Amino acid sequence: MKFEFKGISSFEEKATPNFMGEADSHSVIKEFENIDSAIQYVNFHQGFMVTDNGKFAFVVRNIKEVR
């Protein structure tokens, strides 16, 4: 199963609490056996996810299954 991990920085969250139109939010899509495995992965990494290019890390706020 593929899961999308999304996060937004605390600065962006406070600056635009109800508007996400121009916020530069990052996301990563990874494959896991189930959502529990995805949650364990994030937990093992202290709540952080690193983008595929390795240039940005973010705190995971949402995990969603994608098809």
C-alpha atoms as a PDB file:
ATOM      1  CA  MET A   1       0.000   0.000   0.000  1.00  0.00           C
ATOM      2  CA  LYS A   2       1.203   3.508  -0.749  1.00  0.00           C
ATOM      3  CA  PHE A   3       0.888   6.246   1.847  1.00  0.00           C
ATOM      4  CA  GLU A   4       1.363   9.993   1.529  1.00  0.00           C
ATOM      5  CA  PHE A   5       3.028  11.767   4.435  1.00  0.00           C
ATOM      6  CA  LYS A   6       2.320  15.500   4.685  1.00  0.00           C
ATOM      7  CA  GLY A   7       3.668  18.211   6.917  1.00  0.00           C
ATOM      8  CA  ILE A   8       3.678  21.982   7.252  1.00  0.00           C
ATOM      9  CA  SER A   9       6.105  24.135   9.200  1.00  0.00           C
ATOM     10  CA  SER A  10       4.890  25.753  12.409  1.00  0.00           C
ATOM     11  CA  PHE A  11       5.590  29.210  10.888  1.00  0.00           C
ATOM     12  CA  GLU A  12       3.305  28.549   7.920  1.00  0.00           C
ATOM     13  CA  GLU A  13       0.693  27.026  10.198  1.00  0.00           C
ATOM     14  CA  LYS A  14       0.534  30.147  12.400  1.00  0.00           C
ATOM     15  CA  ALA A  15       0.774  32.608   9.511  1.00  0.00           C
ATOM     16  CA  THR A  16      -1.993  31.038   7.430  1.00  0.00           C
ATOM     17  CA  PRO A  17      -4.225  28.925   9.664  1.00  0.00           C
ATOM     18  CA  ASN A  18      -7.196  28.923   7.262  1.00  0.00           C
ATOM     19  CA  PHE A  19      -5.504  29.495   3.899  1.00  0.00           C
ATOM     20  CA  MET A  20      -3.265  26.954   2.243  1.00  0.00           C
ATOM     21  CA  GLY A  21      -3.271  28.302  -1.309  1.00  0.00           C
ATOM     22  CA  GLU A  22       0.336  29.481  -1.437  1.00  0.00           C
ATOM     23  CA  ALA A  23       1.864  27.496   1.420  1.00  0.00           C
ATOM     24  CA  ASP A  24       4.850  25.424   0.320  1.00  0.00           C
ATOM     25  CA  SER A  25       3.952  22.150   2.000  1.00  0.00           C
ATOM     26  CA  HIS A  26       6.065  19.074   1.483  1.00  0.00           C
ATOM     27  CA  SER A  27       4.951  15.492   1.083  1.00  0.00           C
ATOM     28  CA  VAL A  28       6.513  12.074   0.564  1.00  0.00           C
ATOM     29  CA  ILE A  29       4.924   8.909  -0.787  1.00  0.00           C
ATOM     30  CA  LYS A  30       6.260   5.574   0.501  1.00  0.00           C
ATOM     31  CA  GLU A  31       5.067   1.976   0.431  1.00  0.00           C
ATOM     32  CA  PHE A  32       4.248   0.047   3.597  1.00  0.00           C
ATOM     33  CA  GLU A  33       2.382  -3.160   4.367  1.00  0.00           C
ATOM     34  CA  ASN A  34      -0.333  -1.243   6.262  1.00  0.00           C
ATOM     35  CA  ILE A  35      -0.963   2.073   8.011  1.00  0.00           C
ATOM     36  CA  ASP A  36       0.316   0.704  11.327  1.00  0.00           C
ATOM     37  CA  SER A  37       3.707   0.047   9.714  1.00  0.00           C
ATOM     38  CA  ALA A  38       3.710   3.585   8.313  1.00  0.00           C
ATOM     39  CA  ILE A  39       2.981   5.015  11.763  1.00  0.00           C
ATOM     40  CA  GLN A  40       5.733   2.893  13.326  1.00  0.00           C
ATOM     41  CA  TYR A  41       8.202   4.189  10.697  1.00  0.00           C
ATOM     42  CA  VAL A  42       7.367   7.811  11.553  1.00  0.00           C
ATOM     43  CA  ASN A  43       7.506   7.069  15.274  1.00  0.00           C
ATOM     44  CA  PHE A  44      10.945   5.437  14.895  1.00  0.00           C
ATOM     45  CA  HIS A  45      12.177   8.642  13.208  1.00  0.00           C
ATOM     46  CA  GLN A  46      10.866  10.864  16.017  1.00  0.00           C
ATOM     47  CA  GLY A  47       7.954  12.100  13.880  1.00  0.00           C
ATOM     48  CA  PHE A  48      10.096  13.309  10.978  1.00  0.00           C
ATOM     49  CA  MET A  49      10.125  12.395   7.293  1.00  0.00           C
ATOM     50  CA  VAL A  50      12.891  13.324   4.828  1.00  0.00           C
ATOM     51  CA  THR A  51      12.098  14.224   1.234  1.00  0.00           C
ATOM     52  CA  ASP A  52      13.377  11.910  -1.504  1.00  0.00           C
ATOM     53  CA  ASN A  53      16.183  14.311  -2.459  1.00  0.00           C
ATOM     54  CA  GLY A  54      17.336  14.461   1.176  1.00  0.00           C
ATOM     55  CA  LYS A  55      17.280  18.256   1.281  1.00  0.00           C
ATOM     56  CA  PHE A  56      14.280  18.804   3.558  1.00  0.00           C
ATOM     57  CA  ALA A  57      12.869  17.129   6.641  1.00  0.00           C
ATOM     58  CA  PHE A  58       9.452  17.846   8.085  1.00  0.00           C
ATOM     59  CA  VAL A  59       7.267  16.780  10.984  1.00  0.00           C
ATOM     60  CA  VAL A  60       4.551  14.466   9.721  1.00  0.00           C
ATOM     61  CA  ARG A  61       1.083  15.845  10.382  1.00  0.00           C
ATOM     62  CA  ASN A  62      -1.019  13.551   8.176  1.00  0.00           C
ATOM     63  CA  ILE A  63      -0.737  10.073   6.706  1.00  0.00           C
ATOM     64  CA  LYS A  64      -3.159   9.103   3.964  1.00  0.00           C
ATOM     65  CA  GLU A  65      -3.436   6.012   1.776  1.00  0.00           C
ATOM     66  CA  VAL A  66      -3.089   6.805  -1.918  1.00  0.00           C
ATOM     67  CA  ARG A  67      -4.061   4.590  -4.818  1.00  0.00           C
END
